[in-house]
Amino acid sequence: MKINLKDALQGRTTVRPETYKMMADCMDMTLRGFCAGIVQEFKDSGDKALTEKHVSLAYLRERFKEAEE
């Protein structure tokens, strides 16, 4: 995460250490929501095993929801 951010910034931009903590907290919330979406796709499917299909569906559903906003 730190490397990706630094690569996107110009030159010697200073990033305060607390910034990375905040980014990690935000990513954790995002991951929790994504996992909840995966579980919901699995429950809705009635399948016996969670697969990459459920992950893909949850991801696409989230992208479509963002596009509508």
Protein backbone atom coordinates (compact mmCIF):
# COMPACT_ATOMS: atom_id res chain seq x y z
CA MET A 1 0.00 0.00 0.00
CA LYS A 2 2.80 2.39 0.92
CA ILE A 3 4.70 1.59 -2.27
CA ASN A 4 1.60 2.09 -4.44
CA LEU A 5 0.92 5.46 -2.86
CA LYS A 6 4.51 6.65 -3.15
CA ASP A 7 4.66 5.54 -6.80
CA ALA A 8 1.57 7.63 -7.54
CA LEU A 9 2.97 10.77 -5.90
CA GLN A 10 5.37 13.23 -7.44
CA GLY A 11 9.01 13.27 -6.48
CA ARG A 12 9.82 13.65 -2.84
CA THR A 13 6.32 14.18 -1.50
CA THR A 14 6.24 13.66 2.25
CA VAL A 15 3.58 11.32 3.57
CA ARG A 16 2.96 11.57 7.30
CA PRO A 17 3.08 8.21 9.12
CA GLU A 18 -0.49 8.51 10.43
CA THR A 19 -1.65 8.58 6.81
CA TYR A 20 -0.78 4.91 6.38
CA LYS A 21 -2.68 3.97 9.55
CA MET A 22 -5.76 5.77 8.26
CA MET A 23 -5.40 4.08 4.86
CA ALA A 24 -5.12 0.67 6.56
CA ASP A 25 -8.25 1.37 8.63
CA CYS A 26 -10.19 2.39 5.50
CA MET A 27 -9.01 -0.70 3.62
CA ASP A 28 -10.06 -2.87 6.54
CA MET A 29 -13.59 -1.42 6.42
CA THR A 30 -13.68 -1.93 2.66
CA LEU A 31 -12.51 -5.53 3.02
CA ARG A 32 -15.15 -6.25 5.67
CA GLY A 33 -17.87 -4.94 3.36
CA PHE A 34 -16.51 -6.95 0.44
CA CYS A 35 -16.43 -10.12 2.55
CA ALA A 36 -20.02 -9.48 3.62
CA GLY A 37 -20.98 -9.17 -0.05
CA ILE A 38 -19.25 -12.46 -0.85
CA VAL A 39 -21.08 -14.22 1.96
CA GLN A 40 -24.39 -12.77 0.76
CA GLU A 41 -23.76 -13.99 -2.80
CA PHE A 42 -22.97 -17.44 -1.41
CA LYS A 43 -26.12 -17.51 0.73
CA ASP A 44 -28.28 -16.31 -2.15
CA SER A 45 -26.88 -18.95 -4.49
CA GLY A 46 -27.75 -21.96 -2.35
CA ASP A 47 -24.43 -23.52 -3.39
CA LYS A 48 -22.69 -25.94 -1.07
CA ALA A 49 -19.23 -24.37 -1.45
CA LEU A 50 -18.04 -20.81 -1.71
CA THR A 51 -16.17 -20.29 -4.98
CA GLU A 52 -14.53 -17.60 -7.07
CA LYS A 53 -17.93 -17.15 -8.72
CA HIS A 54 -19.27 -15.64 -5.48
CA VAL A 55 -16.25 -13.35 -5.23
CA SER A 56 -16.72 -12.19 -8.82
CA LEU A 57 -20.42 -11.55 -8.34
CA ALA A 58 -19.82 -9.57 -5.16
CA TYR A 59 -17.13 -7.52 -6.90
CA LEU A 60 -19.32 -6.79 -9.92
CA ARG A 61 -22.29 -5.89 -7.73
CA GLU A 62 -20.12 -3.41 -5.82
CA ARG A 63 -18.76 -1.86 -9.05
CA PHE A 64 -22.29 -1.47 -10.48
CA LYS A 65 -23.46 0.12 -7.23
CA GLU A 66 -20.59 2.65 -7.44
CA ALA A 67 -21.40 3.40 -11.08
CA GLU A 68 -25.01 4.20 -10.19
CA GLU A 69 -23.94 6.75 -7.58
